[in-house]
Protein backbone atom coordinates (compact mmCIF):
# COMPACT_ATOMS: atom_id res chain seq x y z
CA MET A 1 0.00 0.00 0.00
CA ARG A 2 1.42 3.38 -1.02
CA ARG A 3 2.21 5.70 1.89
CA THR A 4 0.83 9.25 1.96
CA LEU A 5 3.14 12.11 2.88
CA LEU A 6 1.26 14.06 5.51
CA PRO A 7 1.92 17.71 6.41
CA LEU A 8 4.57 17.68 9.11
CA LEU A 9 2.66 19.88 11.56
CA ALA A 10 -0.36 17.61 11.27
CA LEU A 11 1.90 14.61 11.75
CA ALA A 12 3.35 16.10 14.91
CA SER A 13 -0.10 16.85 16.29
CA PHE A 14 -1.11 13.19 16.59
CA THR A 15 2.16 11.27 16.86
CA SER A 16 3.49 11.25 20.40
CA GLY A 17 7.24 11.70 20.67
CA ILE A 18 7.80 12.61 16.99
CA HIS A 19 9.10 16.08 16.23
CA ALA A 20 7.92 18.21 13.33
CA ASP A 21 11.36 17.94 11.73
CA GLU A 22 10.97 14.17 11.16
CA THR A 23 9.71 12.85 7.83
CA ILE A 24 7.80 9.82 6.64
CA VAL A 25 10.25 7.38 5.02
CA ALA A 26 10.38 8.01 1.28
CA ALA A 27 12.80 6.55 -1.28
CA HIS A 28 14.64 8.87 -3.66
CA ASP A 29 14.01 8.22 -7.33
CA GLN A 30 17.08 7.05 -9.23
CA PRO A 31 17.05 7.68 -13.02
CA ALA A 32 18.83 4.38 -13.71
CA LEU A 33 16.17 2.48 -11.77
CA LEU A 34 13.36 4.39 -13.44
CA ALA A 35 14.73 3.22 -16.79
CA LEU A 36 14.94 -0.40 -15.63
CA ALA A 37 11.34 -0.42 -14.43
CA SER A 38 10.03 -0.74 -17.98
CA ALA A 39 13.00 -2.63 -19.44
CA PRO A 40 11.90 -6.30 -19.20
CA ASP A 41 10.85 -7.53 -22.65
CA GLN A 42 7.73 -9.68 -22.88
CA ALA A 43 8.98 -11.20 -26.13
CA GLU A 44 12.23 -12.31 -24.45
CA LEU A 45 10.28 -13.85 -21.57
CA ARG A 46 7.95 -15.66 -23.98
CA ALA A 47 10.85 -16.98 -26.05
CA THR A 48 12.55 -18.43 -22.97
CA ILE A 49 9.47 -20.22 -21.64
CA THR A 50 8.56 -21.48 -25.13
CA LYS A 51 12.03 -23.01 -25.44
CA LEU A 52 11.83 -24.60 -21.98
CA VAL A 53 8.39 -26.09 -22.64
CA GLY A 54 9.77 -27.49 -25.90
CA PHE A 55 12.08 -29.84 -23.99
CA GLY A 56 9.00 -31.96 -23.17
CA THR A 57 9.96 -32.70 -19.59
CA ARG A 58 12.63 -31.20 -17.38
CA HIS A 59 12.17 -33.70 -14.58
CA THR A 60 15.28 -34.03 -12.43
CA MET A 61 15.58 -37.73 -13.35
CA SER A 62 14.79 -37.30 -17.04
CA ASP A 63 17.16 -37.81 -19.99
CA THR A 64 20.52 -36.04 -19.74
CA THR A 65 22.00 -37.09 -23.09
CA SER A 66 19.37 -36.04 -25.64
CA ASP A 67 19.87 -32.71 -27.40
CA THR A 68 16.14 -32.04 -27.58
CA ARG A 69 14.39 -33.55 -24.55
CA GLY A 70 14.97 -33.71 -20.82
CA ILE A 71 16.82 -31.91 -18.06
CA GLY A 72 20.24 -32.33 -19.68
CA ALA A 73 19.25 -30.52 -22.88
CA ALA A 74 17.53 -27.80 -20.84
CA ARG A 75 20.62 -27.24 -18.67
CA ARG A 76 22.88 -26.98 -21.69
CA TRP A 77 20.52 -24.50 -23.34
CA VAL A 78 20.44 -22.28 -20.21
CA LYS A 79 24.23 -22.32 -20.13
CA SER A 80 24.33 -21.34 -23.81
CA ARG A 81 22.03 -18.38 -23.09
CA PHE A 82 24.29 -17.19 -20.28
CA ASP A 83 27.33 -17.65 -22.52
CA ALA A 84 25.66 -15.57 -25.24
CA ILE A 85 24.77 -12.78 -22.80
CA SER A 86 28.35 -12.81 -21.52
CA HIS A 87 29.66 -12.58 -25.08
CA ASP A 88 27.49 -9.50 -25.63
CA CYS A 89 28.98 -7.77 -22.56
CA ASN A 90 32.60 -8.66 -23.40
CA GLY A 91 32.83 -11.59 -21.02
CA CYS A 92 31.28 -9.86 -18.00
CA LEU A 93 29.70 -13.11 -16.76
CA ASP A 94 31.51 -16.12 -15.33
CA VAL A 95 29.31 -19.14 -16.06
CA GLU A 96 29.67 -21.98 -13.55
CA THR A 97 27.91 -25.38 -13.35
CA PRO A 98 28.37 -26.83 -9.84
CA THR A 99 27.19 -30.43 -9.54
CA GLN A 100 26.50 -32.99 -6.84
CA MET A 101 25.36 -36.62 -6.84
CA VAL A 102 22.32 -37.07 -4.59
CA THR A 103 19.86 -39.70 -3.43
CA GLY A 104 16.80 -39.25 -1.26
CA GLU A 105 13.14 -40.03 -0.67
CA ARG A 106 12.26 -38.80 -4.17
CA ILE A 107 15.56 -39.85 -5.80
CA LYS A 108 15.99 -43.57 -5.23
CA THR A 109 19.16 -44.01 -7.29
CA PRO A 110 22.07 -41.53 -7.49
CA VAL A 111 21.36 -38.60 -9.81
CA GLU A 112 23.58 -35.67 -10.73
CA ILE A 113 22.11 -32.33 -9.68
CA MET A 114 23.49 -29.36 -11.63
CA ASP A 115 22.94 -25.65 -11.06
CA VAL A 116 23.78 -23.16 -13.83
CA LEU A 117 25.16 -19.89 -12.43
CA ALA A 118 26.10 -16.69 -14.24
CA ILE A 119 28.21 -14.48 -11.98
CA LYS A 120 28.82 -10.76 -12.62
CA ARG A 121 31.57 -9.69 -10.25
CA GLY A 122 31.16 -6.46 -8.30
CA ASP A 123 33.63 -3.72 -9.15
CA THR A 124 34.28 -2.50 -5.59
CA ASP A 125 32.60 -5.01 -3.24
CA PRO A 126 32.89 -8.39 -4.99
CA ASP A 127 32.48 -10.58 -1.88
CA ARG A 128 29.02 -9.16 -1.22
CA VAL A 129 26.51 -11.15 -3.30
CA ILE A 130 22.95 -10.56 -4.54
CA ILE A 131 21.26 -13.66 -6.03
CA ILE A 132 18.20 -14.15 -8.21
CA SER A 133 17.10 -17.77 -8.67
CA GLY A 134 14.48 -19.97 -10.30
CA HIS A 135 14.33 -23.75 -10.71
CA LEU A 136 14.61 -25.50 -14.05
CA ASP A 137 13.09 -28.88 -13.22
CA SER A 138 9.41 -29.70 -13.78
CA ARG A 139 7.00 -32.49 -12.80
CA VAL A 140 3.55 -34.00 -13.31
CA THR A 141 1.11 -35.51 -10.80
CA ASP A 142 3.39 -38.43 -9.90
CA VAL A 143 6.55 -36.77 -8.62
CA MET A 144 8.56 -39.85 -9.64
CA ASN A 145 7.32 -39.83 -13.26
CA SER A 146 10.31 -38.68 -15.30
CA HIS A 147 8.94 -39.68 -18.72
CA SER A 148 5.59 -37.92 -19.29
CA ASP A 149 5.46 -34.42 -20.70
CA ALA A 150 5.83 -31.87 -17.90
CA PRO A 151 5.77 -28.43 -19.60
CA GLY A 152 6.54 -26.49 -16.42
CA ALA A 153 5.62 -23.15 -18.01
CA ASP A 154 4.76 -21.36 -14.76
CA ASP A 155 6.41 -23.77 -12.29
CA ASP A 156 9.05 -22.76 -12.85
CA GLY A 157 9.71 -21.71 -16.43
CA SER A 158 8.49 -18.27 -15.36
CA GLY A 159 11.17 -18.02 -12.67
CA VAL A 160 13.91 -19.16 -15.06
CA ALA A 161 12.73 -16.62 -17.64
CA ALA A 162 12.99 -13.86 -15.02
CA VAL A 163 16.53 -14.97 -14.11
CA ILE A 164 17.71 -14.97 -17.74
CA GLU A 165 16.05 -11.61 -18.47
CA ALA A 166 17.64 -10.14 -15.35
CA ALA A 167 21.03 -11.36 -16.57
CA ARG A 168 20.44 -9.84 -20.02
CA LEU A 169 19.50 -6.43 -18.65
CA LEU A 170 21.81 -6.16 -15.64
CA SER A 171 24.83 -7.32 -17.64
CA LYS A 172 24.70 -3.82 -19.13
CA GLN A 173 24.54 -2.04 -15.76
CA PRO A 174 27.27 -1.14 -13.23
CA ASN A 175 27.27 -3.06 -9.94
CA HIS A 176 29.44 -2.66 -6.85
CA ALA A 177 28.33 -5.96 -5.28
CA THR A 178 28.43 -9.25 -7.18
CA LEU A 179 25.27 -10.36 -8.98
CA VAL A 180 24.49 -14.07 -9.35
CA PHE A 181 21.87 -15.34 -11.81
CA ALA A 182 21.06 -18.89 -10.68
CA VAL A 183 19.06 -21.55 -12.50
CA LEU A 184 18.66 -24.47 -10.10
CA SER A 185 17.67 -28.13 -10.48
CA GLY A 186 16.16 -30.74 -8.22
CA GLU A 187 13.64 -28.49 -6.48
CA GLU A 188 10.64 -30.77 -7.00
CA GLN A 189 12.56 -33.79 -5.70
CA GLY A 190 13.66 -32.15 -2.44
CA LEU A 191 15.15 -28.62 -2.83
CA TYR A 192 18.48 -30.09 -3.92
CA GLY A 193 19.39 -27.20 -6.20
CA GLY A 194 18.90 -24.72 -3.39
CA LYS A 195 21.09 -26.82 -1.11
CA LEU A 196 23.78 -27.02 -3.82
CA LEU A 197 23.64 -23.22 -4.19
CA ALA A 198 23.95 -22.73 -0.42
CA ASP A 199 26.93 -25.10 -0.26
CA TYR A 200 28.57 -23.28 -3.17
CA ALA A 201 28.05 -19.92 -1.48
CA VAL A 202 29.59 -21.16 1.77
CA ALA A 203 32.54 -22.78 -0.02
CA HIS A 204 33.28 -19.55 -1.90
CA ASN A 205 32.88 -17.35 1.19
CA TRP A 206 30.07 -15.36 -0.36
CA GLN A 207 28.57 -12.66 1.86
CA VAL A 208 25.04 -13.18 0.58
CA GLU A 209 22.96 -10.09 1.23
CA ALA A 210 19.89 -11.42 -0.56
CA GLN A 211 18.53 -14.37 -2.47
CA LEU A 212 15.42 -13.54 -4.49
CA ASN A 213 13.89 -16.94 -5.21
CA ASN A 214 11.29 -16.75 -7.97
CA ASP A 215 8.99 -19.74 -8.10
CA ILE A 216 5.62 -19.56 -9.93
CA ILE A 217 5.50 -15.90 -10.97
CA GLY A 218 3.81 -15.87 -14.39
CA ASN A 219 0.06 -16.31 -13.87
CA SER A 220 -2.35 -13.53 -12.89
CA ARG A 221 -5.56 -15.60 -12.62
CA GLY A 222 -6.25 -17.79 -9.58
CA MET A 223 -8.08 -21.10 -9.51
CA ASN A 224 -11.07 -19.33 -7.93
CA GLY A 225 -11.34 -16.99 -10.94
CA VAL A 226 -9.82 -13.97 -9.21
CA THR A 227 -7.57 -12.02 -11.56
CA ASP A 228 -4.92 -9.71 -10.13
CA SER A 229 -2.14 -8.35 -12.32
CA THR A 230 -1.18 -5.60 -9.85
CA ALA A 231 0.45 -7.51 -6.98
CA VAL A 232 2.99 -10.20 -6.17
CA ARG A 233 3.54 -12.01 -2.90
CA VAL A 234 6.93 -11.89 -1.17
CA PHE A 235 7.30 -14.51 1.57
CA SER A 236 9.89 -13.95 4.30
CA GLU A 237 10.77 -15.63 7.57
CA GLY A 238 10.16 -13.61 10.74
CA THR A 239 12.92 -15.05 12.90
CA ARG A 240 16.13 -16.53 11.59
CA SER A 241 16.21 -20.23 10.77
CA THR A 242 19.59 -20.44 12.51
CA GLU A 243 18.50 -18.70 15.72
CA THR A 244 19.86 -20.37 18.87
CA ALA A 245 17.90 -20.84 22.10
CA ALA A 246 19.88 -18.06 23.77
CA GLN A 247 19.24 -15.70 20.86
CA ALA A 248 15.55 -16.60 20.88
CA LYS A 249 15.31 -15.75 24.58
CA LEU A 250 16.75 -12.25 24.02
CA ARG A 251 14.60 -11.70 20.95
CA SER A 252 11.37 -12.77 22.66
CA TYR A 253 12.02 -10.25 25.43
CA HIS A 254 13.22 -7.24 23.41
CA GLY A 255 11.33 -7.79 20.15
CA GLY A 256 12.33 -8.65 16.62
CA GLU A 257 9.90 -11.45 15.76
CA VAL A 258 9.16 -9.70 12.46
CA ASP A 259 12.61 -8.21 11.80
CA SER A 260 14.90 -10.87 10.39
CA PRO A 261 17.13 -9.63 7.54
CA SER A 262 14.84 -11.51 5.16
CA ARG A 263 11.82 -9.60 6.45
CA ASN A 264 13.61 -6.27 6.04
CA LEU A 265 14.61 -7.36 2.54
CA ALA A 266 10.89 -7.84 1.82
CA ARG A 267 10.21 -4.35 3.17
CA THR A 268 12.86 -2.98 0.82
CA MET A 269 11.18 -4.69 -2.13
CA ALA A 270 7.80 -3.25 -1.13
CA THR A 271 9.28 0.26 -1.03
CA ILE A 272 10.96 -0.24 -4.40
CA ALA A 273 7.65 -1.32 -5.95
CA ASP A 274 5.87 1.72 -4.50
CA THR A 275 8.56 4.03 -5.87
CA TYR A 276 9.25 2.66 -9.34
CA LEU A 277 6.25 0.48 -10.32
CA PRO A 278 3.12 2.64 -9.95
CA ASP A 279 0.87 -0.10 -11.33
CA PHE A 280 2.28 -2.83 -9.10
CA HIS A 281 2.81 -3.56 -5.41
CA VAL A 282 4.26 -6.17 -3.06
CA ARG A 283 2.06 -8.13 -0.69
CA MET A 284 4.39 -9.02 2.15
CA VAL A 285 3.46 -12.41 3.59
CA TYR A 286 4.80 -13.14 7.07
CA ARG A 287 5.71 -16.76 6.37
CA THR A 288 8.81 -18.47 5.04
CA ASP A 289 6.68 -19.98 2.26
CA ARG A 290 3.11 -20.96 1.47
CA PHE A 291 1.46 -23.09 4.14
CA GLY A 292 2.94 -26.60 4.18
CA ARG A 293 5.05 -25.96 1.07
CA GLY A 294 8.66 -25.00 0.36
CA GLY A 295 11.14 -23.64 -2.14
CA ASP A 296 14.82 -23.21 -2.85
CA GLN A 297 15.09 -20.24 -0.49
CA VAL A 298 14.75 -22.65 2.46
CA PRO A 299 18.24 -24.24 2.18
CA MET A 300 19.72 -20.75 1.89
CA LEU A 301 17.93 -19.68 5.07
CA GLU A 302 19.12 -22.84 6.80
CA ALA A 303 22.69 -21.92 5.80
CA GLY A 304 22.24 -18.53 7.49
CA PHE A 305 21.67 -16.32 4.42
CA PRO A 306 18.85 -13.77 3.95
CA ALA A 307 16.35 -15.00 1.35
CA VAL A 308 12.75 -14.49 0.22
CA ARG A 309 10.32 -16.35 -2.01
CA ILE A 310 8.48 -14.45 -4.75
CA THR A 311 5.22 -15.99 -6.02
CA GLU A 312 2.24 -14.77 -8.02
CA SER A 313 -0.62 -13.22 -6.08
CA HIS A 314 -3.22 -15.90 -6.88
CA GLU A 315 -2.27 -19.46 -7.84
CA ASP A 316 -4.17 -21.92 -10.01
CA TYR A 317 -3.50 -25.40 -8.62
CA THR A 318 -4.97 -27.09 -11.70
CA HIS A 319 -1.84 -25.88 -13.49
CA GLN A 320 0.67 -27.09 -10.91
CA HIS A 321 2.03 -30.64 -10.50
CA GLN A 322 -0.58 -32.02 -12.90
CA ASP A 323 -0.66 -34.41 -15.84
CA VAL A 324 -1.68 -32.49 -18.97
CA ARG A 325 -5.31 -33.48 -19.58
CA VAL A 326 -8.93 -32.33 -19.80
CA GLU A 327 -11.19 -33.73 -17.09
CA ASN A 328 -14.84 -32.76 -16.62
CA GLY A 329 -14.23 -29.74 -18.81
CA VAL A 330 -11.26 -28.56 -16.74
CA HIS A 331 -7.90 -28.12 -18.46
CA TYR A 332 -5.09 -29.42 -16.25
CA GLY A 333 -1.39 -28.93 -16.79
CA ASP A 334 1.26 -26.24 -16.59
CA THR A 335 1.10 -25.04 -20.20
CA LEU A 336 2.28 -21.92 -22.00
CA ASP A 337 -1.19 -20.53 -22.65
CA ASN A 338 -1.67 -19.86 -18.92
CA ILE A 339 1.18 -17.32 -18.72
CA ASP A 340 0.36 -13.59 -18.51
CA PHE A 341 3.52 -12.11 -19.99
CA ARG A 342 2.76 -8.52 -19.03
CA TYR A 343 2.36 -9.64 -15.43
CA LEU A 344 5.57 -11.68 -15.61
CA ALA A 345 7.39 -8.60 -16.94
CA ARG A 346 6.27 -6.59 -13.89
CA VAL A 347 7.49 -9.27 -11.47
CA THR A 348 10.75 -9.45 -13.39
CA ALA A 349 11.10 -5.67 -13.15
CA LEU A 350 10.69 -5.84 -9.37
CA ASN A 351 13.53 -8.37 -9.19
CA ILE A 352 15.79 -6.34 -11.46
CA LEU A 353 15.14 -3.11 -9.56
CA THR A 354 15.88 -4.81 -6.25
CA MET A 355 19.13 -6.30 -7.51
CA ALA A 356 20.22 -3.01 -9.07
CA GLN A 357 19.50 -0.99 -5.94
CA LEU A 358 21.15 -3.44 -3.55
CA SER A 359 24.22 -3.85 -5.76
CA CYS A 360 24.73 -0.08 -6.08
CA ALA A 361 24.05 0.67 -2.42
CA PRO A 362 26.62 0.10 0.33
CA ALA A 363 26.39 -3.03 2.45
CA PRO A 364 23.93 -2.85 5.34
CA PRO A 365 25.46 -1.49 8.57
CA THR A 366 26.95 -4.00 11.00
CA GLU A 367 26.93 -4.38 14.77
CA VAL A 368 23.76 -2.33 15.18
CA SER A 369 22.67 -1.80 18.79
CA ILE A 370 20.40 0.50 20.77
CA GLU A 371 20.30 1.87 24.30
CA GLY A 372 17.93 4.08 26.29
CA ALA A 373 16.40 2.14 29.16
CA VAL A 374 14.69 4.39 31.76
CA ALA A 375 15.27 7.41 29.51
CA THR A 376 13.20 9.58 27.19
CA ASP A 377 15.78 9.46 24.39
CA THR A 378 17.11 6.54 22.32
CA THR A 379 20.67 6.11 21.08
CA VAL A 380 21.45 3.92 18.06
CA HIS A 381 24.99 2.61 17.42
CA TRP A 382 26.48 0.83 14.42
CA LYS A 383 29.75 0.11 12.66
CA LYS A 384 30.62 1.86 9.41
CA VAL A 385 30.68 -0.07 6.14
CA SER A 386 32.75 0.54 3.02
CA GLY A 387 31.18 2.81 0.43
CA ALA A 388 28.70 4.51 2.75
CA ALA A 389 28.61 8.31 2.65
CA GLY A 390 26.09 8.44 5.46
CA TYR A 391 23.44 6.56 7.41
CA ARG A 392 19.70 6.80 7.98
CA ILE A 393 17.98 5.99 11.27
CA HIS A 394 14.52 4.43 10.92
CA TRP A 395 11.83 3.74 13.47
CA ARG A 396 8.24 2.55 13.52
CA ASP A 397 5.45 1.69 15.91
CA THR A 398 5.90 -1.87 17.21
CA THR A 399 2.72 -2.99 15.40
CA ALA A 400 3.48 -1.24 12.08
CA ALA A 401 4.30 -3.36 9.04
CA GLN A 402 6.65 -0.83 7.43
CA TRP A 403 9.22 1.67 8.67
CA GLN A 404 7.38 4.95 9.29
CA TYR A 405 9.95 7.61 10.20
CA SER A 406 13.54 8.34 9.34
CA ARG A 407 16.40 10.77 9.93
CA ASP A 408 19.59 11.18 7.90
CA VAL A 409 22.52 11.42 10.31
CA GLY A 410 25.61 11.73 8.12
CA ASP A 411 28.87 9.83 8.25
CA THR A 412 28.89 8.79 11.90
CA THR A 413 28.54 5.66 14.03
CA GLN A 414 25.79 6.70 16.43
CA SER A 415 22.81 8.97 16.77
CA LEU A 416 20.71 10.24 19.67
CA ILE A 417 17.00 10.47 18.90
CA LYS A 418 15.57 13.00 21.34
CA ASP A 419 12.18 12.36 22.95
CA VAL A 420 11.67 9.02 21.20
CA VAL A 421 11.32 6.44 23.97
CA ILE A 422 13.01 3.10 23.32
CA ASP A 423 10.12 1.18 24.92
CA ASP A 424 7.55 2.31 22.35
CA TRP A 425 9.28 1.88 18.97
CA PHE A 426 11.35 -0.48 16.86
CA PHE A 427 14.55 0.95 15.38
CA GLY A 428 16.91 0.24 12.49
CA VAL A 429 19.74 1.72 10.42
CA SER A 430 20.48 1.76 6.70
CA SER A 431 23.58 2.80 4.73
CA ILE A 432 23.41 5.50 2.05
CA SER A 433 25.81 5.92 -0.88
CA SER A 434 27.00 9.32 -2.08
CA ASP A 435 24.59 9.08 -5.01
CA GLY A 436 21.61 8.16 -2.85
CA TYR A 437 21.31 4.38 -3.07
CA GLU A 438 20.10 2.87 0.21
CA SER A 439 20.74 -0.54 1.76
CA PRO A 440 18.05 -2.56 3.53
CA VAL A 441 17.31 -1.50 7.10
CA VAL A 442 19.10 -3.47 9.82
CA PHE A 443 17.29 -4.25 13.06
CA PRO A 444 19.56 -4.20 16.15
CA GLY A 445 21.41 -7.29 17.36
CA VAL A 446 21.77 -10.78 15.96
CA THR A 447 18.05 -10.81 15.16
CA GLY A 448 18.41 -8.36 12.30
CA SER A 449 22.02 -8.72 11.21
CA PHE A 450 22.68 -9.39 7.52
CA ALA A 451 25.89 -11.21 8.41
CA ARG A 452 25.72 -14.96 7.89
CA LEU A 453 24.92 -16.79 11.11
CA PRO A 454 25.31 -20.54 10.49
CA ALA A 455 23.38 -23.01 12.60
CA THR A 456 25.27 -24.26 15.64
CA ALA A 457 25.21 -27.50 17.58
CA GLY A 458 22.09 -27.70 19.69
CA HIS A 459 20.17 -25.39 17.36
């Protein structure tokens, strides 16, 4: 929901403890981001999904040797697209294909899982990483059926199309942090591609600031007939998957149940949509994923990295995990004709804008803390990060979904907020670049830190 900028004197008249010199949080328009908002090409998105559907099935256990059918052909085609995009930007992308042999409940005999990654190194902050992902594999009703046609147009050809389009467009843009365009495999058989990506990130010491996992983002009409081409859902965990018992005890006492780095990443995406996509908005959902379901962001969260899941506003379950058929007049199957390409372009734009902003902004502040017990003022502390020209203090009512108020405080490591009582508000800090790009807001303590916090023994 778009925020209204109220007259400051009126604001002060009904908001206890807020001075008339405070302002409602508002993002600053960036010309480069304004240009990217309309950049995704529906024809490019259609061409990608059409090609993927043409492989018949992309089941994780399908043929890997054919040039025209199965997961192997699909993986090689994705790699060829990344290679072509890299050629067009003078080799700006490093294309990697990490693999792992796996078995499990849905993989009875060893199968090679392969992710296809295109990596655009950051020019000043290459260890900091922003990831967009979608999964390549598809399925029908029987999750073990690797032979029947499984078009996988929406689940998740739409996510793969967004990843490839993001690579095409952002390969032409500057980025301080590293961008990773990840096409994963093995999701339907047990989130294996997400686990492989998490392991790769850990092994390469990536400081993952965000994973934007796109899974089922191309349909604007729900199974109940509701059509909504103006919103997308962004799912985010409230407390960290790696939180220890001791950390949970502190968090439950001081607050932070809705302020994990993933949740503040979702808030950033909502603000970006409000600023740059006037016909589109983010519905923040306070869950890690849809009820009883999962996606490739889960292994990343379990590895201690911030991640969100992006999914269309209304799903049609007759087009997911179904044999292609007509039954009692109902058309089942995940086919190309169910994709709304204008809608998919808007979701893709949201991803691209988020990646561009995060990669051009400084890293989020570190070691954020607050103090002010038995006082009428609150003091916020943090540690400086490279590339930041200044910092912005944010605060909101403890029941508010979004950050409500902010103050720019310059290039410093602490700020005193007069007459704002620590007991009544939640606080955070963001980093600002010299040209106005802003990082996500960081909630104080371990609860909100964007630094990787791996699970420990006894977790």
